PDB file of N, CA and C in Angstrom:
ATOM      1  N   MET A   1     -64.100 -14.515  14.104  1.00  0.00           N
ATOM      2  CA  MET A   1     -63.612 -13.320  13.426  1.00  0.00           C
ATOM      3  C   MET A   1     -64.766 -12.729  12.618  1.00  0.00           C
ATOM      4  N   SER A   2     -64.957 -11.449  12.729  1.00  0.00           N
ATOM      5  CA  SER A   2     -66.033 -10.786  11.996  1.00  0.00           C
ATOM      6  C   SER A   2     -65.719 -10.755  10.506  1.00  0.00           C
ATOM      7  N   GLU A   3     -66.774 -10.567   9.724  1.00  0.00           N
ATOM      8  CA  GLU A   3     -66.597 -10.505   8.271  1.00  0.00           C
ATOM      9  C   GLU A   3     -65.665  -9.362   7.881  1.00  0.00           C
ATOM     10  N   GLY A   4     -65.801  -8.213   8.567  1.00  0.00           N
ATOM     11  CA  GLY A   4     -64.925  -7.075   8.272  1.00  0.00           C
ATOM     12  C   GLY A   4     -63.473  -7.397   8.544  1.00  0.00           C
ATOM     13  N   MET A   5     -63.218  -8.080   9.652  1.00  0.00           N
ATOM     14  CA  MET A   5     -61.831  -8.440   9.983  1.00  0.00           C
ATOM     15  C   MET A   5     -61.302  -9.494   9.018  1.00  0.00           C
ATOM     16  N   GLU A   6     -62.166 -10.389   8.560  1.00  0.00           N
ATOM     17  CA  GLU A   6     -61.743 -11.372   7.558  1.00  0.00           C
ATOM     18  C   GLU A   6     -61.312 -10.673   6.274  1.00  0.00           C
ATOM     19  N   ARG A   7     -62.044  -9.643   5.884  1.00  0.00           N
ATOM     20  CA  ARG A   7     -61.688  -8.889   4.674  1.00  0.00           C
ATOM     21  C   ARG A   7     -60.380  -8.137   4.877  1.00  0.00           C
ATOM     22  N   VAL A   8     -60.196  -7.568   6.079  1.00  0.00           N
ATOM     23  CA  VAL A   8     -58.936  -6.884   6.384  1.00  0.00           C
ATOM     24  C   VAL A   8     -57.784  -7.880   6.301  1.00  0.00           C
ATOM     25  N   THR A   9     -57.951  -9.050   6.913  1.00  0.00           N
ATOM     26  CA  THR A   9     -56.903 -10.067   6.898  1.00  0.00           C
ATOM     27  C   THR A   9     -56.587 -10.501   5.470  1.00  0.00           C
ATOM     28  N   ALA A  10     -57.615 -10.669   4.659  1.00  0.00           N
ATOM     29  CA  ALA A  10     -57.399 -11.060   3.258  1.00  0.00           C
ATOM     30  C   ALA A  10     -56.582 -10.000   2.520  1.00  0.00           C
ATOM     31  N   GLN A  11     -56.877  -8.730   2.775  1.00  0.00           N
ATOM     32  CA  GLN A  11     -56.134  -7.656   2.115  1.00  0.00           C
ATOM     33  C   GLN A  11     -54.708  -7.556   2.646  1.00  0.00           C
ATOM     34  N   LEU A  12     -54.518  -7.825   3.929  1.00  0.00           N
ATOM     35  CA  LEU A  12     -53.161  -7.862   4.475  1.00  0.00           C
ATOM     36  C   LEU A  12     -52.347  -8.951   3.785  1.00  0.00           C
ATOM     37  N   GLN A  13     -52.979 -10.098   3.538  1.00  0.00           N
ATOM     38  CA  GLN A  13     -52.290 -11.194   2.847  1.00  0.00           C
ATOM     39  C   GLN A  13     -51.937 -10.799   1.422  1.00  0.00           C
ATOM     40  N   VAL A  14     -52.862 -10.156   0.727  1.00  0.00           N
ATOM     41  CA  VAL A  14     -52.586  -9.676  -0.635  1.00  0.00           C
ATOM     42  C   VAL A  14     -51.415  -8.701  -0.601  1.00  0.00           C
ATOM     43  N   GLY A  15     -51.442  -7.777   0.349  1.00  0.00           N
ATOM     44  CA  GLY A  15     -50.362  -6.803   0.475  1.00  0.00           C
ATOM     45  C   GLY A  15     -49.035  -7.449   0.798  1.00  0.00           C
ATOM     46  N   MET A  16     -49.044  -8.449   1.644  1.00  0.00           N
ATOM     47  CA  MET A  16     -47.803  -9.142   2.006  1.00  0.00           C
ATOM     48  C   MET A  16     -47.205  -9.846   0.800  1.00  0.00           C
ATOM     49  N   VAL A  17     -48.030 -10.533   0.023  1.00  0.00           N
ATOM     50  CA  VAL A  17     -47.540 -11.223  -1.168  1.00  0.00           C
ATOM     51  C   VAL A  17     -46.982 -10.218  -2.180  1.00  0.00           C
ATOM     52  N   ALA A  18     -47.717  -9.133  -2.411  1.00  0.00           N
ATOM     53  CA  ALA A  18     -47.250  -8.117  -3.361  1.00  0.00           C
ATOM     54  C   ALA A  18     -45.937  -7.497  -2.900  1.00  0.00           C
ATOM     55  N   SER A  19     -45.828  -7.201  -1.609  1.00  0.00           N
ATOM     56  CA  SER A  19     -44.596  -6.585  -1.113  1.00  0.00           C
ATOM     57  C   SER A  19     -43.416  -7.551  -1.233  1.00  0.00           C
ATOM     58  N   GLN A  20     -43.663  -8.826  -1.023  1.00  0.00           N
ATOM     59  CA  GLN A  20     -42.588  -9.810  -1.168  1.00  0.00           C
ATOM     60  C   GLN A  20     -42.148  -9.927  -2.628  1.00  0.00           C
ATOM     61  N   LYS A  21     -43.102  -9.869  -3.542  1.00  0.00           N
ATOM     62  CA  LYS A  21     -42.753  -9.910  -4.973  1.00  0.00           C
ATOM     63  C   LYS A  21     -41.909  -8.695  -5.349  1.00  0.00           C
ATOM     64  N   ILE A  22     -42.283  -7.527  -4.825  1.00  0.00           N
ATOM     65  CA  ILE A  22     -41.490  -6.322  -5.094  1.00  0.00           C
ATOM     66  C   ILE A  22     -40.072  -6.518  -4.579  1.00  0.00           C
ATOM     67  N   SER A  23     -39.959  -6.984  -3.359  1.00  0.00           N
ATOM     68  CA  SER A  23     -38.635  -7.209  -2.768  1.00  0.00           C
ATOM     69  C   SER A  23     -37.824  -8.191  -3.595  1.00  0.00           C
ATOM     70  N   ASP A  24     -38.463  -9.277  -4.011  1.00  0.00           N
ATOM     71  CA  ASP A  24     -37.763 -10.280  -4.815  1.00  0.00           C
ATOM     72  C   ASP A  24     -37.280  -9.704  -6.142  1.00  0.00           C
ATOM     73  N   LEU A  25     -38.090  -8.852  -6.741  1.00  0.00           N
ATOM     74  CA  LEU A  25     -37.745  -8.282  -8.041  1.00  0.00           C
ATOM     75  C   LEU A  25     -36.655  -7.219  -7.957  1.00  0.00           C
ATOM     76  N   ILE A  26     -36.606  -6.488  -6.863  1.00  0.00           N
ATOM     77  CA  ILE A  26     -35.772  -5.284  -6.805  1.00  0.00           C
ATOM     78  C   ILE A  26     -34.563  -5.421  -5.878  1.00  0.00           C
ATOM     79  N   SER A  27     -34.523  -6.452  -5.068  1.00  0.00           N
ATOM     80  CA  SER A  27     -33.548  -6.533  -3.974  1.00  0.00           C
ATOM     81  C   SER A  27     -32.092  -6.531  -4.412  1.00  0.00           C
ATOM     82  N   GLU A  28     -31.806  -7.032  -5.577  1.00  0.00           N
ATOM     83  CA  GLU A  28     -30.400  -7.123  -5.979  1.00  0.00           C
ATOM     84  C   GLU A  28     -29.935  -5.954  -6.837  1.00  0.00           C
ATOM     85  N   PHE A  29     -30.818  -4.973  -7.020  1.00  0.00           N
ATOM     86  CA  PHE A  29     -30.482  -3.816  -7.845  1.00  0.00           C
ATOM     87  C   PHE A  29     -30.067  -2.632  -6.983  1.00  0.00           C
ATOM     88  N   SER A  30     -29.004  -1.950  -7.387  1.00  0.00           N
ATOM     89  CA  SER A  30     -28.751  -0.614  -6.862  1.00  0.00           C
ATOM     90  C   SER A  30     -29.686   0.316  -7.631  1.00  0.00           C
ATOM     91  N   LEU A  31     -29.773   1.575  -7.232  1.00  0.00           N
ATOM     92  CA  LEU A  31     -30.620   2.512  -7.961  1.00  0.00           C
ATOM     93  C   LEU A  31     -30.190   2.599  -9.424  1.00  0.00           C
ATOM     94  N   GLY A  32     -28.907   2.738  -9.658  1.00  0.00           N
ATOM     95  CA  GLY A  32     -28.416   2.836 -11.032  1.00  0.00           C
ATOM     96  C   GLY A  32     -28.734   1.601 -11.853  1.00  0.00           C
ATOM     97  N   GLU A  33     -28.614   0.445 -11.240  1.00  0.00           N
ATOM     98  CA  GLU A  33     -28.938  -0.801 -11.947  1.00  0.00           C
ATOM     99  C   GLU A  33     -30.436  -0.894 -12.226  1.00  0.00           C
ATOM    100  N   TYR A  34     -31.240  -0.470 -11.266  1.00  0.00           N
ATOM    101  CA  TYR A  34     -32.694  -0.516 -11.480  1.00  0.00           C
ATOM    102  C   TYR A  34     -33.098   0.424 -12.615  1.00  0.00           C
ATOM    103  N   GLU A  35     -32.450   1.578 -12.687  1.00  0.00           N
ATOM    104  CA  GLU A  35     -32.765   2.514 -13.777  1.00  0.00           C
ATOM    105  C   GLU A  35     -32.479   1.899 -15.144  1.00  0.00           C
ATOM    106  N   LEU A  36     -31.545   0.956 -15.183  1.00  0.00           N
ATOM    107  CA  LEU A  36     -31.189   0.295 -16.441  1.00  0.00           C
ATOM    108  C   LEU A  36     -31.877  -1.062 -16.617  1.00  0.00           C
ATOM    109  N   ALA A  37     -32.711  -1.450 -15.660  1.00  0.00           N
ATOM    110  CA  ALA A  37     -33.385  -2.754 -15.720  1.00  0.00           C
ATOM    111  C   ALA A  37     -34.347  -2.804 -16.906  1.00  0.00           C
ATOM    112  N   SER A  38     -34.692  -4.010 -17.286  1.00  0.00           N
ATOM    113  CA  SER A  38     -35.608  -4.203 -18.417  1.00  0.00           C
ATOM    114  C   SER A  38     -36.984  -3.629 -18.103  1.00  0.00           C
ATOM    115  N   TRP A  39     -37.707  -3.310 -19.154  1.00  0.00           N
ATOM    116  CA  TRP A  39     -39.058  -2.796 -18.949  1.00  0.00           C
ATOM    117  C   TRP A  39     -39.944  -3.867 -18.317  1.00  0.00           C
ATOM    118  N   GLU A  40     -39.635  -5.141 -18.572  1.00  0.00           N
ATOM    119  CA  GLU A  40     -40.419  -6.218 -17.969  1.00  0.00           C
ATOM    120  C   GLU A  40     -40.278  -6.200 -16.442  1.00  0.00           C
ATOM    121  N   THR A  41     -39.052  -6.020 -15.974  1.00  0.00           N
ATOM    122  CA  THR A  41     -38.819  -5.965 -14.534  1.00  0.00           C
ATOM    123  C   THR A  41     -39.513  -4.755 -13.934  1.00  0.00           C
ATOM    124  N   LYS A  42     -39.328  -3.600 -14.540  1.00  0.00           N
ATOM    125  CA  LYS A  42     -39.948  -2.382 -14.014  1.00  0.00           C
ATOM    126  C   LYS A  42     -41.468  -2.485 -14.034  1.00  0.00           C
ATOM    127  N   SER A  43     -42.006  -3.040 -15.094  1.00  0.00           N
ATOM    128  CA  SER A  43     -43.450  -3.200 -15.199  1.00  0.00           C
ATOM    129  C   SER A  43     -43.977  -4.132 -14.111  1.00  0.00           C
ATOM    130  N   ALA A  44     -43.258  -5.208 -13.858  1.00  0.00           N
ATOM    131  CA  ALA A  44     -43.671  -6.147 -12.809  1.00  0.00           C
ATOM    132  C   ALA A  44     -43.645  -5.476 -11.436  1.00  0.00           C
ATOM    133  N   VAL A  45     -42.599  -4.704 -11.160  1.00  0.00           N
ATOM    134  CA  VAL A  45     -42.504  -3.982  -9.883  1.00  0.00           C
ATOM    135  C   VAL A  45     -43.662  -2.990  -9.762  1.00  0.00           C
ATOM    136  N   GLU A  46     -43.913  -2.234 -10.808  1.00  0.00           N
ATOM    137  CA  GLU A  46     -44.985  -1.243 -10.783  1.00  0.00           C
ATOM    138  C   GLU A  46     -46.345  -1.907 -10.603  1.00  0.00           C
ATOM    139  N   ASP A  47     -46.571  -3.034 -11.280  1.00  0.00           N
ATOM    140  CA  ASP A  47     -47.838  -3.758 -11.121  1.00  0.00           C
ATOM    141  C   ASP A  47     -48.029  -4.209  -9.680  1.00  0.00           C
ATOM    142  N   GLU A  48     -46.973  -4.742  -9.076  1.00  0.00           N
ATOM    143  CA  GLU A  48     -47.081  -5.212  -7.692  1.00  0.00           C
ATOM    144  C   GLU A  48     -47.273  -4.052  -6.723  1.00  0.00           C
ATOM    145  N   TYR A  49     -46.658  -2.895  -7.017  1.00  0.00           N
ATOM    146  CA  TYR A  49     -46.888  -1.729  -6.158  1.00  0.00           C
ATOM    147  C   TYR A  49     -48.351  -1.300  -6.222  1.00  0.00           C
ATOM    148  N   GLN A  50     -48.956  -1.405  -7.392  1.00  0.00           N
ATOM    149  CA  GLN A  50     -50.365  -1.046  -7.501  1.00  0.00           C
ATOM    150  C   GLN A  50     -51.245  -2.042  -6.748  1.00  0.00           C
ATOM    151  N   VAL A  51     -50.902  -3.317  -6.788  1.00  0.00           N
ATOM    152  CA  VAL A  51     -51.625  -4.320  -6.013  1.00  0.00           C
ATOM    153  C   VAL A  51     -51.476  -4.021  -4.520  1.00  0.00           C
ATOM    154  N   LEU A  52     -50.250  -3.751  -4.089  1.00  0.00           N
ATOM    155  CA  LEU A  52     -49.988  -3.425  -2.689  1.00  0.00           C
ATOM    156  C   LEU A  52     -50.785  -2.200  -2.256  1.00  0.00           C
ATOM    157  N   ALA A  53     -50.731  -1.151  -3.052  1.00  0.00           N
ATOM    158  CA  ALA A  53     -51.451   0.080  -2.714  1.00  0.00           C
ATOM    159  C   ALA A  53     -52.951  -0.173  -2.644  1.00  0.00           C
ATOM    160  N   GLY A  54     -53.478  -0.929  -3.584  1.00  0.00           N
ATOM    161  CA  GLY A  54     -54.911  -1.228  -3.574  1.00  0.00           C
ATOM    162  C   GLY A  54     -55.323  -2.000  -2.338  1.00  0.00           C
ATOM    163  N   ALA A  55     -54.511  -2.970  -1.950  1.00  0.00           N
ATOM    164  CA  ALA A  55     -54.816  -3.763  -0.753  1.00  0.00           C
ATOM    165  C   ALA A  55     -54.780  -2.891   0.489  1.00  0.00           C
ATOM    166  N   LEU A  56     -53.776  -2.032   0.587  1.00  0.00           N
ATOM    167  CA  LEU A  56     -53.658  -1.166   1.764  1.00  0.00           C
ATOM    168  C   LEU A  56     -54.766  -0.123   1.810  1.00  0.00           C
ATOM    169  N   GLU A  57     -55.172   0.382   0.656  1.00  0.00           N
ATOM    170  CA  GLU A  57     -56.295   1.324   0.627  1.00  0.00           C
ATOM    171  C   GLU A  57     -57.578   0.627   1.094  1.00  0.00           C
ATOM    172  N   GLU A  58     -57.742  -0.622   0.694  1.00  0.00           N
ATOM    173  CA  GLU A  58     -58.917  -1.393   1.124  1.00  0.00           C
ATOM    174  C   GLU A  58     -58.901  -1.575   2.643  1.00  0.00           C
ATOM    175  N   VAL A  59     -57.734  -1.894   3.200  1.00  0.00           N
ATOM    176  CA  VAL A  59     -57.621  -2.021   4.662  1.00  0.00           C
ATOM    177  C   VAL A  59     -58.005  -0.702   5.315  1.00  0.00           C
ATOM    178  N   ARG A  60     -57.498   0.392   4.785  1.00  0.00           N
ATOM    179  CA  ARG A  60     -57.789   1.717   5.354  1.00  0.00           C
ATOM    180  C   ARG A  60     -59.280   2.038   5.262  1.00  0.00           C
ATOM    181  N   ASP A  61     -59.909   1.653   4.153  1.00  0.00           N
ATOM    182  CA  ASP A  61     -61.345   1.894   3.997  1.00  0.00           C
ATOM    183  C   ASP A  61     -62.174   1.031   4.946  1.00  0.00           C
ATOM    184  N   LEU A  62     -61.751  -0.218   5.137  1.00  0.00           N
ATOM    185  CA  LEU A  62     -62.489  -1.145   5.983  1.00  0.00           C
ATOM    186  C   LEU A  62     -62.348  -0.819   7.466  1.00  0.00           C
ATOM    187  N   ASP A  63     -61.141  -0.430   7.868  1.00  0.00           N
ATOM    188  CA  ASP A  63     -60.882  -0.212   9.294  1.00  0.00           C
ATOM    189  C   ASP A  63     -59.781   0.841   9.459  1.00  0.00           C
ATOM    190  N   PRO A  64     -60.161   2.116   9.405  1.00  0.00           N
ATOM    191  CA  PRO A  64     -59.158   3.189   9.484  1.00  0.00           C
ATOM    192  C   PRO A  64     -58.283   3.125  10.737  1.00  0.00           C
ATOM    193  N   GLU A  65     -58.860   2.760  11.870  1.00  0.00           N
ATOM    194  CA  GLU A  65     -58.071   2.686  13.100  1.00  0.00           C
ATOM    195  C   GLU A  65     -57.028   1.577  13.010  1.00  0.00           C
ATOM    196  N   PHE A  66     -57.410   0.450  12.459  1.00  0.00           N
ATOM    197  CA  PHE A  66     -56.478  -0.658  12.280  1.00  0.00           C
ATOM    198  C   PHE A  66     -55.356  -0.236  11.327  1.00  0.00           C
ATOM    199  N   ALA A  67     -55.721   0.454  10.260  1.00  0.00           N
ATOM    200  CA  ALA A  67     -54.745   0.883   9.256  1.00  0.00           C
ATOM    201  C   ALA A  67     -53.685   1.804   9.847  1.00  0.00           C
ATOM    202  N   GLU A  68     -54.049   2.556  10.873  1.00  0.00           N
ATOM    203  CA  GLU A  68     -53.085   3.455  11.513  1.00  0.00           C
ATOM    204  C   GLU A  68     -51.939   2.688  12.167  1.00  0.00           C
ATOM    205  N   ARG A  69     -52.128   1.412  12.421  1.00  0.00           N
ATOM    206  CA  ARG A  69     -51.088   0.580  13.041  1.00  0.00           C
ATOM    207  C   ARG A  69     -50.073   0.061  12.020  1.00  0.00           C
ATOM    208  N   ILE A  70     -50.230   0.448  10.768  1.00  0.00           N
ATOM    209  CA  ILE A  70     -49.358  -0.063   9.709  1.00  0.00           C
ATOM    210  C   ILE A  70     -48.395   1.038   9.276  1.00  0.00           C
ATOM    211  N   PRO A  71     -47.148   0.993   9.784  1.00  0.00           N
ATOM    212  CA  PRO A  71     -46.178   2.013   9.366  1.00  0.00           C
ATOM    213  C   PRO A  71     -45.849   1.855   7.889  1.00  0.00           C
ATOM    214  N   GLY A  72     -45.790   2.956   7.200  1.00  0.00           N
ATOM    215  CA  GLY A  72     -45.460   2.915   5.783  1.00  0.00           C
ATOM    216  C   GLY A  72     -46.659   2.759   4.871  1.00  0.00           C
ATOM    217  N   LEU A  73     -47.864   2.625   5.437  1.00  0.00           N
ATOM    218  CA  LEU A  73     -49.063   2.462   4.613  1.00  0.00           C
ATOM    219  C   LEU A  73     -49.246   3.656   3.684  1.00  0.00           C
ATOM    220  N   ALA A  74     -49.206   4.845   4.229  1.00  0.00           N
ATOM    221  CA  ALA A  74     -49.437   6.039   3.412  1.00  0.00           C
ATOM    222  C   ALA A  74     -48.391   6.170   2.305  1.00  0.00           C
ATOM    223  N   GLU A  75     -47.149   5.841   2.615  1.00  0.00           N
ATOM    224  CA  GLU A  75     -46.090   5.943   1.614  1.00  0.00           C
ATOM    225  C   GLU A  75     -46.303   4.936   0.483  1.00  0.00           C
ATOM    226  N   ALA A  76     -46.658   3.699   0.827  1.00  0.00           N
ATOM    227  CA  ALA A  76     -46.879   2.673  -0.195  1.00  0.00           C
ATOM    228  C   ALA A  76     -48.074   3.031  -1.065  1.00  0.00           C
ATOM    229  N   VAL A  77     -49.134   3.531  -0.451  1.00  0.00           N
ATOM    230  CA  VAL A  77     -50.298   3.964  -1.222  1.00  0.00           C
ATOM    231  C   VAL A  77     -49.904   5.123  -2.137  1.00  0.00           C
ATOM    232  N   GLY A  78     -49.087   6.024  -1.624  1.00  0.00           N
ATOM    233  CA  GLY A  78     -48.625   7.149  -2.437  1.00  0.00           C
ATOM    234  C   GLY A  78     -47.816   6.709  -3.646  1.00  0.00           C
ATOM    235  N   VAL A  79     -46.951   5.715  -3.473  1.00  0.00           N
ATOM    236  CA  VAL A  79     -46.174   5.202  -4.604  1.00  0.00           C
ATOM    237  C   VAL A  79     -47.116   4.555  -5.615  1.00  0.00           C
ATOM    238  N   GLY A  80     -48.088   3.787  -5.122  1.00  0.00           N
ATOM    239  CA  GLY A  80     -49.065   3.175  -6.030  1.00  0.00           C
ATOM    240  C   GLY A  80     -49.836   4.217  -6.820  1.00  0.00           C
ATOM    241  N   ARG A  81     -50.234   5.289  -6.155  1.00  0.00           N
ATOM    242  CA  ARG A  81     -50.942   6.377  -6.851  1.00  0.00           C
ATOM    243  C   ARG A  81     -50.034   7.073  -7.849  1.00  0.00           C
ATOM    244  N   HIS A  82     -48.767   7.264  -7.475  1.00  0.00           N
ATOM    245  CA  HIS A  82     -47.810   7.885  -8.389  1.00  0.00           C
ATOM    246  C   HIS A  82     -47.691   7.052  -9.665  1.00  0.00           C
ATOM    247  N   ILE A  83     -47.615   5.744  -9.497  1.00  0.00           N
ATOM    248  CA  ILE A  83     -47.505   4.850 -10.661  1.00  0.00           C
ATOM    249  C   ILE A  83     -48.769   4.950 -11.506  1.00  0.00           C
ATOM    250  N   SER A  84     -49.927   4.950 -10.869  1.00  0.00           N
ATOM    251  CA  SER A  84     -51.191   5.029 -11.603  1.00  0.00           C
ATOM    252  C   SER A  84     -51.316   6.336 -12.376  1.00  0.00           C
ATOM    253  N   ALA A  85     -50.775   7.405 -11.809  1.00  0.00           N
ATOM    254  CA  ALA A  85     -50.894   8.719 -12.431  1.00  0.00           C
ATOM    255  C   ALA A  85     -49.850   8.968 -13.513  1.00  0.00           C
ATOM    256  N   ALA A  86     -48.782   8.189 -13.507  1.00  0.00           N
ATOM    257  CA  ALA A  86     -47.706   8.400 -14.481  1.00  0.00           C
ATOM    258  C   ALA A  86     -48.215   8.051 -15.876  1.00  0.00           C
ATOM    259  N   GLU A  87     -48.060   8.979 -16.789  1.00  0.00           N
ATOM    260  CA  GLU A  87     -48.580   8.746 -18.128  1.00  0.00           C
ATOM    261  C   GLU A  87     -47.699   7.795 -18.932  1.00  0.00           C
ATOM    262  N   LEU A  88     -46.409   7.916 -18.835  1.00  0.00           N
ATOM    263  CA  LEU A  88     -45.535   7.030 -19.590  1.00  0.00           C
ATOM    264  C   LEU A  88     -44.877   6.010 -18.684  1.00  0.00           C
ATOM    265  N   GLU A  89     -44.145   6.485 -17.715  1.00  0.00           N
ATOM    266  CA  GLU A  89     -43.530   5.573 -16.758  1.00  0.00           C
ATOM    267  C   GLU A  89     -43.275   6.304 -15.450  1.00  0.00           C
ATOM    268  N   ALA A  90     -43.343   5.557 -14.407  1.00  0.00           N
ATOM    269  CA  ALA A  90     -43.113   6.141 -13.090  1.00  0.00           C
ATOM    270  C   ALA A  90     -41.622   6.416 -12.913  1.00  0.00           C
ATOM    271  N   GLU A  91     -41.316   7.290 -12.001  1.00  0.00           N
ATOM    272  CA  GLU A  91     -39.920   7.610 -11.740  1.00  0.00           C
ATOM    273  C   GLU A  91     -39.249   6.452 -11.012  1.00  0.00           C
ATOM    274  N   ASP A  92     -38.209   5.939 -11.619  1.00  0.00           N
ATOM    275  CA  ASP A  92     -37.499   4.790 -11.061  1.00  0.00           C
ATOM    276  C   ASP A  92     -36.989   5.068  -9.650  1.00  0.00           C
ATOM    277  N   GLU A  93     -36.492   6.273  -9.424  1.00  0.00           N
ATOM    278  CA  GLU A  93     -35.906   6.587  -8.124  1.00  0.00           C
ATOM    279  C   GLU A  93     -36.940   6.519  -7.007  1.00  0.00           C
ATOM    280  N   ILE A  94     -38.150   7.006  -7.248  1.00  0.00           N
ATOM    281  CA  ILE A  94     -39.204   6.965  -6.229  1.00  0.00           C
ATOM    282  C   ILE A  94     -39.526   5.517  -5.872  1.00  0.00           C
ATOM    283  N   ILE A  95     -39.661   4.685  -6.879  1.00  0.00           N
ATOM    284  CA  ILE A  95     -40.001   3.279  -6.651  1.00  0.00           C
ATOM    285  C   ILE A  95     -38.863   2.563  -5.947  1.00  0.00           C
ATOM    286  N   TRP A  96     -37.656   2.741  -6.433  1.00  0.00           N
ATOM    287  CA  TRP A  96     -36.515   2.037  -5.838  1.00  0.00           C
ATOM    288  C   TRP A  96     -36.299   2.466  -4.386  1.00  0.00           C
ATOM    289  N   ARG A  97     -36.334   3.766  -4.123  1.00  0.00           N
ATOM    290  CA  ARG A  97     -36.118   4.249  -2.754  1.00  0.00           C
ATOM    291  C   ARG A  97     -37.211   3.746  -1.808  1.00  0.00           C
ATOM    292  N   SER A  98     -38.434   3.721  -2.278  1.00  0.00           N
ATOM    293  CA  SER A  98     -39.514   3.200  -1.444  1.00  0.00           C
ATOM    294  C   SER A  98     -39.284   1.726  -1.134  1.00  0.00           C
ATOM    295  N   ALA A  99     -38.922   0.964  -2.148  1.00  0.00           N
ATOM    296  CA  ALA A  99     -38.691  -0.479  -1.948  1.00  0.00           C
ATOM    297  C   ALA A  99     -37.504  -0.730  -1.029  1.00  0.00           C
ATOM    298  N   ALA A 100     -36.464   0.064  -1.171  1.00  0.00           N
ATOM    299  CA  ALA A 100     -35.255  -0.144  -0.375  1.00  0.00           C
ATOM    300  C   ALA A 100     -35.408   0.374   1.058  1.00  0.00           C
ATOM    301  N   ALA A 101     -36.067   1.506   1.224  1.00  0.00           N
ATOM    302  CA  ALA A 101     -36.092   2.161   2.533  1.00  0.00           C
ATOM    303  C   ALA A 101     -37.351   1.876   3.342  1.00  0.00           C
ATOM    304  N   GLU A 102     -38.497   1.798   2.698  1.00  0.00           N
ATOM    305  CA  GLU A 102     -39.755   1.719   3.439  1.00  0.00           C
ATOM    306  C   GLU A 102     -40.393   0.337   3.429  1.00  0.00           C
ATOM    307  N   LEU A 103     -40.181  -0.414   2.367  1.00  0.00           N
ATOM    308  CA  LEU A 103     -40.852  -1.702   2.229  1.00  0.00           C
ATOM    309  C   LEU A 103     -40.489  -2.715   3.312  1.00  0.00           C
ATOM    310  N   PRO A 104     -39.229  -2.806   3.733  1.00  0.00           N
ATOM    311  CA  PRO A 104     -38.919  -3.791   4.792  1.00  0.00           C
ATOM    312  C   PRO A 104     -39.709  -3.573   6.079  1.00  0.00           C
ATOM    313  N   GLN A 105     -39.855  -2.327   6.514  1.00  0.00           N
ATOM    314  CA  GLN A 105     -40.617  -2.038   7.729  1.00  0.00           C
ATOM    315  C   GLN A 105     -42.096  -2.356   7.516  1.00  0.00           C
ATOM    316  N   LEU A 106     -42.614  -2.036   6.352  1.00  0.00           N
ATOM    317  CA  LEU A 106     -44.010  -2.334   6.041  1.00  0.00           C
ATOM    318  C   LEU A 106     -44.239  -3.844   6.052  1.00  0.00           C
ATOM    319  N   GLN A 107     -43.330  -4.590   5.445  1.00  0.00           N
ATOM    320  CA  GLN A 107     -43.457  -6.048   5.424  1.00  0.00           C
ATOM    321  C   GLN A 107     -43.450  -6.620   6.836  1.00  0.00           C
ATOM    322  N   GLN A 108     -42.585  -6.128   7.675  1.00  0.00           N
ATOM    323  CA  GLN A 108     -42.515  -6.598   9.057  1.00  0.00           C
ATOM    324  C   GLN A 108     -43.824  -6.322   9.780  1.00  0.00           C
ATOM    325  N   ALA A 109     -44.379  -5.142   9.572  1.00  0.00           N
ATOM    326  CA  ALA A 109     -45.650  -4.800  10.213  1.00  0.00           C
ATOM    327  C   ALA A 109     -46.777  -5.691   9.703  1.00  0.00           C
ATOM    328  N   LEU A 110     -46.817  -5.923   8.401  1.00  0.00           N
ATOM    329  CA  LEU A 110     -47.857  -6.788   7.837  1.00  0.00           C
ATOM    330  C   LEU A 110     -47.744  -8.201   8.397  1.00  0.00           C
ATOM    331  N   LEU A 111     -46.527  -8.696   8.478  1.00  0.00           N
ATOM    332  CA  LEU A 111     -46.295 -10.035   9.019  1.00  0.00           C
ATOM    333  C   LEU A 111     -46.782 -10.122  10.467  1.00  0.00           C
ATOM    334  N   GLN A 112     -46.419  -9.137  11.284  1.00  0.00           N
ATOM    335  CA  GLN A 112     -46.843  -9.130  12.684  1.00  0.00           C
ATOM    336  C   GLN A 112     -48.373  -9.071  12.799  1.00  0.00           C
ATOM    337  N   LEU A 113     -49.002  -8.244  11.998  1.00  0.00           N
ATOM    338  CA  LEU A 113     -50.462  -8.136  12.043  1.00  0.00           C
ATOM    339  C   LEU A 113     -51.123  -9.433  11.595  1.00  0.00           C
ATOM    340  N   LEU A 114     -50.569 -10.075  10.581  1.00  0.00           N
ATOM    341  CA  LEU A 114     -51.128 -11.342  10.122  1.00  0.00           C
ATOM    342  C   LEU A 114     -50.966 -12.440  11.173  1.00  0.00           C
ATOM    343  N   MET A 115     -49.862 -12.418  11.871  1.00  0.00           N
ATOM    344  CA  MET A 115     -49.626 -13.436  12.897  1.00  0.00           C
ATOM    345  C   MET A 115     -50.594 -13.273  14.078  1.00  0.00           C
ATOM    346  N   HIS A 116     -51.078 -12.056  14.290  1.00  0.00           N
ATOM    347  CA  HIS A 116     -51.951 -11.796  15.427  1.00  0.00           C
ATOM    348  C   HIS A 116     -53.413 -11.598  15.028  1.00  0.00           C
ATOM    349  N   SER A 117     -53.731 -11.905  13.792  1.00  0.00           N
ATOM    350  CA  SER A 117     -55.150 -11.734  13.379  1.00  0.00           C
ATOM    351  C   SER A 117     -55.871 -13.055  13.368  1.00  0.00           C
TER     352      SER A 117
END
C-alpha cells in the first residue's frame, strides 16, 4: 500500500470512529429531544462532526477521485464547516437531520471502503 493510500485509510478510520460516536450520542433523540439535550451532549456531537469533517477533507485533499466514491462526504464536510462558523452554537436541526438522514449511508460507505483498502 502506498504512503498516500495509508494516509487515506487512516483518515477513513478516523472518520468512521467519529461518525459512530455521533450516532451513539444522537441515535435515541428525536429532533425535539435533541434540541433540549444538554450542552455537553451537543458539544460532543459538534466536536465529533468537526473531527469527521476534517478527516473527510483530508481524504478529499489526498485523493480527490477516491473521495468521489464516498456518498455524503460533501454534506458531512458542510455540517462540520457550519459548526466551525457558528459563533455561539450550531443549529440543532441541521446537525440532527444530517445525523439521522445522511450519516448511516456515509458510515456504510466508509465501512465498505475500509474493508477493501
